[in-house]
Protein backbone atom coordinates (compact mmCIF):
# COMPACT_ATOMS: atom_id res chain seq x y z
CA MET A 1 -25.75 -2.73 -3.96
CA LYS A 2 -24.17 -4.77 -6.69
CA PRO A 3 -21.52 -7.38 -5.44
CA ILE A 4 -18.07 -6.78 -6.55
CA THR A 5 -14.81 -8.69 -6.45
CA SER A 6 -11.83 -7.67 -4.26
CA SER A 7 -9.92 -6.66 -7.49
CA GLU A 8 -12.74 -4.21 -8.44
CA LEU A 9 -12.88 -2.92 -4.93
CA ARG A 10 -9.05 -2.27 -4.94
CA LYS A 11 -9.23 -0.55 -8.42
CA ALA A 12 -11.97 1.77 -7.39
CA PHE A 13 -10.08 2.59 -4.12
CA LEU A 14 -7.07 3.47 -5.94
CA GLU A 15 -8.81 5.30 -8.60
CA PHE A 16 -10.63 7.42 -6.01
CA PHE A 17 -7.30 8.67 -4.44
CA HIS A 18 -5.62 9.18 -7.89
CA LYS A 19 -8.60 11.40 -8.92
CA ASN A 20 -8.02 13.35 -5.76
CA ASN A 21 -4.46 14.16 -6.61
CA HIS A 22 -2.85 11.36 -4.55
CA GLN A 23 0.18 9.45 -5.82
CA ILE A 24 -0.10 5.76 -6.13
CA ILE A 25 2.98 3.82 -5.15
CA GLN A 26 3.80 0.12 -5.66
CA SER A 27 2.69 -2.21 -2.87
CA SER A 28 5.15 -3.58 -0.34
CA SER A 29 5.53 -6.82 1.38
CA LEU A 30 4.28 -7.17 5.09
CA LEU A 31 7.47 -9.06 5.75
CA PRO A 32 10.46 -7.05 5.14
CA GLY A 33 13.05 -9.29 3.47
CA ASN A 34 16.09 -7.01 3.10
CA ASP A 35 16.18 -5.28 6.48
CA LYS A 36 17.05 -7.24 9.60
CA THR A 37 16.42 -4.19 11.90
CA LEU A 38 12.74 -4.58 11.38
CA LEU A 39 10.75 -7.32 12.90
CA PHE A 40 7.35 -6.43 11.17
CA THR A 41 5.78 -3.72 9.09
CA ASN A 42 4.66 -1.11 11.44
CA ALA A 43 1.89 1.27 10.22
CA GLY A 44 2.82 0.72 6.58
CA MET A 45 5.93 2.93 6.79
CA VAL A 46 8.70 0.51 6.05
CA GLN A 47 8.84 1.38 2.41
CA PHE A 48 9.77 4.96 3.46
CA LYS A 49 12.30 4.05 6.05
CA ASP A 50 15.22 5.06 3.80
CA VAL A 51 13.70 8.51 3.41
CA PHE A 52 13.70 9.48 7.14
C-alpha cells in the first residue's frame, strides 16, 4: 500500500461519503466556544444542538 498524507486520507474519506449521497458539512471545534451549557463535545453532536 502506498503511503499517503493525512490530508489525502481526509479527502478520500470525505469523497467516499459524498459519492454515496452523504452531505458534507463544515467541521466543528472540539471546544464549544459559544455555549456555556456544554463542557465538551459529546459524540460530535454539538453542531446540531440547536436543531433538537
